[in-house]
Amino acid sequence: MTYWTVILALCISLAGCAPANRDQLVKEVLKADPEFSAILEKHQQLQNRLTTHERELALARDNIEQKIKQLRRDLAIATANARAKSADVKSRIEPDRERLRLDLAMAGEELKAKRAQRAALGGKISELRKALQSSGESWGAKERSAREAEVVDMLRDAKRLDQELATMKEHVRLLKIKLVLIKL
């Protein structure tokens, strides 16, 4: 009997009957073809290698999964620590930021009051100039010169207020820049 005949007979017998004992099948094949033992040995060695590789893979997978779990725990701890430290650092700058916000609010209110003061002064100057133009000769020279002196004083005050407004605007601008610069 040739090798292929034995394999064919074995396949036919396996297909038509109940499962056979492997050892019995090996004996039967080796009886018919003793040289097949080298192939069976090679097959067994390869099967052992596959089993070893599968076990190594399973062990490596388990080790890596354990490392991943540990790394996730470590990451959670590191994240919590970093957030706590960040919150601490941010809290250290908060008093300065709050002081700048308060300074900005106060400067804004002062600027608004100066603008209102300047607008009121501008209105008075305008009214007094109109009165000077419309009065014509109804006012005497003394009263006219007193009103013109009053306009000159108001214009001087207006110039001073304009300079103060410019200074205050610059101060407000710098406070805003400072707030932006310390924003974390």
Protein backbone atom coordinates (compact mmCIF):
# COMPACT_ATOMS: atom_id res chain seq x y z
CA MET A 1 0.00 0.00 0.00
CA THR A 2 1.29 3.42 -0.85
CA TYR A 3 1.24 6.45 1.34
CA TRP A 4 -1.61 8.09 -0.51
CA THR A 5 -3.66 4.96 -0.50
CA VAL A 6 -3.38 4.77 3.27
CA ILE A 7 -4.37 8.42 3.62
CA LEU A 8 -7.31 7.89 1.29
CA ALA A 9 -8.42 4.80 3.18
CA LEU A 10 -8.03 6.64 6.44
CA CYS A 11 -10.13 9.57 5.20
CA ILE A 12 -12.84 7.22 3.94
CA SER A 13 -12.90 5.31 7.18
CA LEU A 14 -13.01 8.53 9.21
CA ALA A 15 -15.78 9.98 7.13
CA GLY A 16 -18.01 6.96 7.44
CA CYS A 17 -17.66 5.97 11.07
CA ALA A 18 -17.36 7.32 14.57
CA PRO A 19 -14.24 9.24 15.59
CA ALA A 20 -11.24 7.01 15.94
CA ASN A 21 -8.50 7.04 18.56
CA ARG A 22 -5.52 9.08 17.35
CA ASP A 23 -2.95 6.62 18.65
CA GLN A 24 -4.67 3.82 16.83
CA LEU A 25 -4.71 5.80 13.60
CA VAL A 26 -1.01 6.63 13.97
CA LYS A 27 -0.18 2.96 14.47
CA GLU A 28 -2.19 2.02 11.43
CA VAL A 29 -0.51 4.64 9.24
CA LEU A 30 2.98 3.82 10.51
CA LYS A 31 2.39 0.12 9.89
CA ALA A 32 1.56 0.90 6.30
CA ASP A 33 4.24 3.62 5.88
CA PRO A 34 7.02 3.62 8.52
CA GLU A 35 8.73 6.63 6.89
CA PHE A 36 5.69 8.77 7.76
CA SER A 37 6.95 8.83 11.36
CA ALA A 38 9.42 11.59 10.41
CA ILE A 39 6.55 13.72 9.15
CA LEU A 40 4.54 13.00 12.29
CA GLU A 41 7.51 13.95 14.47
CA LYS A 42 8.00 17.13 12.48
CA HIS A 43 4.28 17.85 12.79
CA GLN A 44 4.43 17.27 16.55
CA GLN A 45 7.46 19.58 16.88
CA LEU A 46 5.71 22.29 14.87
CA GLN A 47 2.55 21.82 16.90
CA ASN A 48 4.61 22.19 20.11
CA ARG A 49 6.21 25.35 18.75
CA LEU A 50 2.79 26.77 17.86
CA THR A 51 1.52 25.98 21.34
CA THR A 52 4.61 27.61 22.86
CA HIS A 53 4.19 30.72 20.70
CA GLU A 54 0.50 30.95 21.61
CA ARG A 55 1.39 30.67 25.32
CA GLU A 56 4.11 33.31 24.92
CA LEU A 57 1.63 35.57 23.16
CA ALA A 58 -0.98 35.03 25.88
CA LEU A 59 1.61 35.78 28.57
CA ALA A 60 2.84 38.88 26.72
CA ARG A 61 -0.77 40.02 26.23
CA ASP A 62 -1.50 39.57 29.94
CA ASN A 63 1.67 41.45 30.90
CA ILE A 64 0.93 44.28 28.50
CA GLU A 65 -2.70 44.53 29.61
CA GLN A 66 -1.53 44.71 33.23
CA LYS A 67 0.96 47.42 32.28
CA ILE A 68 -1.80 49.31 30.43
CA LYS A 69 -4.03 49.14 33.51
CA GLN A 70 -1.17 50.35 35.68
CA LEU A 71 -0.31 53.12 33.22
CA ARG A 72 -3.94 54.24 33.21
CA ARG A 73 -3.93 54.37 37.01
CA ASP A 74 -0.62 56.25 36.94
CA LEU A 75 -2.04 58.67 34.34
CA ALA A 76 -5.13 59.32 36.47
CA ILE A 77 -2.94 60.03 39.50
CA ALA A 78 -0.56 62.23 37.49
CA THR A 79 -3.52 64.13 35.99
CA ALA A 80 -5.04 64.75 39.42
CA ASN A 81 -1.67 65.92 40.77
CA ALA A 82 -1.06 68.22 37.81
CA ARG A 83 -4.54 69.73 38.12
CA ALA A 84 -4.07 70.31 41.84
CA LYS A 85 -0.70 71.98 41.25
CA SER A 86 -2.16 74.09 38.42
CA ALA A 87 -5.03 75.20 40.63
CA ASP A 88 -2.53 76.15 43.34
CA VAL A 89 -0.43 78.17 40.89
CA LYS A 90 -3.50 79.90 39.48
CA SER A 91 -4.72 80.74 42.97
CA ARG A 92 -1.42 82.51 43.67
CA ILE A 93 -1.98 85.00 40.83
CA GLU A 94 -5.67 85.52 41.62
CA PRO A 95 -5.13 88.28 44.24
CA ASP A 96 -3.09 90.30 41.73
CA ARG A 97 -5.71 89.75 39.06
CA GLU A 98 -8.51 90.77 41.42
CA ARG A 99 -6.61 93.91 42.42
CA LEU A 100 -6.13 94.82 38.75
CA ARG A 101 -9.83 94.22 38.05
CA LEU A 102 -10.76 96.49 40.95
CA ASP A 103 -8.27 99.14 39.78
CA LEU A 104 -9.70 98.90 36.27
CA ALA A 105 -13.28 99.26 37.52
CA MET A 106 -12.38 102.27 39.63
CA ALA A 107 -10.40 103.87 36.79
CA GLY A 108 -13.32 103.23 34.44
CA GLU A 109 -15.72 104.96 36.80
CA GLU A 110 -13.33 107.87 37.27
CA LEU A 111 -12.91 108.14 33.49
CA LYS A 112 -16.69 108.16 33.05
CA ALA A 113 -17.03 110.94 35.67
CA LYS A 114 -14.28 113.01 34.02
CA ARG A 115 -15.96 112.60 30.62
CA ALA A 116 -19.26 113.77 32.11
CA GLN A 117 -17.46 116.71 33.74
CA ARG A 118 -15.76 117.59 30.45
CA ALA A 119 -19.04 117.31 28.54
CA ALA A 120 -20.77 119.60 31.05
CA LEU A 121 -17.92 122.11 30.82
CA GLY A 122 -18.08 121.98 27.02
CA GLY A 123 -21.81 122.69 27.20
CA LYS A 124 -21.26 125.69 29.49
CA ILE A 125 -18.54 127.06 27.21
CA SER A 126 -20.86 126.70 24.22
CA GLU A 127 -23.74 128.39 26.04
CA LEU A 128 -21.54 131.25 27.22
CA ARG A 129 -20.13 131.79 23.70
CA LYS A 130 -23.65 131.85 22.25
CA ALA A 131 -24.67 134.33 24.93
CA LEU A 132 -21.67 136.53 24.08
CA GLN A 133 -22.56 136.47 20.38
CA SER A 134 -26.28 137.04 20.83
CA SER A 135 -26.05 139.69 23.51
CA GLY A 136 -24.50 142.16 21.11
CA GLU A 137 -24.44 145.48 22.90
CA SER A 138 -26.91 144.63 25.68
CA TRP A 139 -23.98 143.83 27.96
CA GLY A 140 -21.62 146.47 29.02
CA ALA A 141 -17.90 146.32 28.31
CA LYS A 142 -17.17 145.31 31.89
CA GLU A 143 -19.70 142.44 31.88
CA ARG A 144 -18.61 141.36 28.40
CA SER A 145 -14.93 141.24 29.44
CA ALA A 146 -15.90 139.33 32.62
CA ARG A 147 -17.77 136.76 30.50
CA GLU A 148 -14.88 136.49 28.04
CA ALA A 149 -12.48 135.95 30.97
CA GLU A 150 -14.88 133.28 32.22
CA VAL A 151 -14.74 131.57 28.79
CA VAL A 152 -10.92 131.72 28.86
CA ASP A 153 -10.91 130.13 32.36
CA MET A 154 -13.33 127.44 31.20
CA LEU A 155 -11.20 126.74 28.14
CA ARG A 156 -8.15 126.42 30.43
CA ASP A 157 -10.15 123.98 32.62
CA ALA A 158 -11.27 122.11 29.50
CA LYS A 159 -7.66 121.76 28.36
CA ARG A 160 -6.64 120.46 31.79
CA LEU A 161 -9.56 117.99 31.76
CA ASP A 162 -8.59 116.84 28.24
CA GLN A 163 -5.07 116.12 29.47
CA GLU A 164 -6.43 114.26 32.51
CA LEU A 165 -8.75 112.27 30.23
CA ALA A 166 -5.86 111.31 27.97
CA THR A 167 -3.82 110.23 31.00
CA MET A 168 -6.75 108.24 32.39
CA LYS A 169 -7.43 106.56 29.03
CA GLU A 170 -3.80 105.48 28.89
CA HIS A 171 -4.02 104.23 32.49
CA VAL A 172 -7.15 102.17 31.67
CA ARG A 173 -5.46 100.80 28.54
CA LEU A 174 -2.41 99.73 30.56
CA LEU A 175 -4.59 98.07 33.20
CA LYS A 176 -6.36 96.08 30.48
CA ILE A 177 -3.01 95.02 29.02
CA LYS A 178 -1.79 93.97 32.46
CA LEU A 179 -4.88 91.83 32.94
CA VAL A 180 -4.33 90.15 29.58
CA LEU A 181 -0.67 89.53 30.39
CA ILE A 182 -1.38 87.74 33.68
CA LYS A 183 -4.19 85.63 32.32
CA LEU A 184 -3.40 81.95 32.85
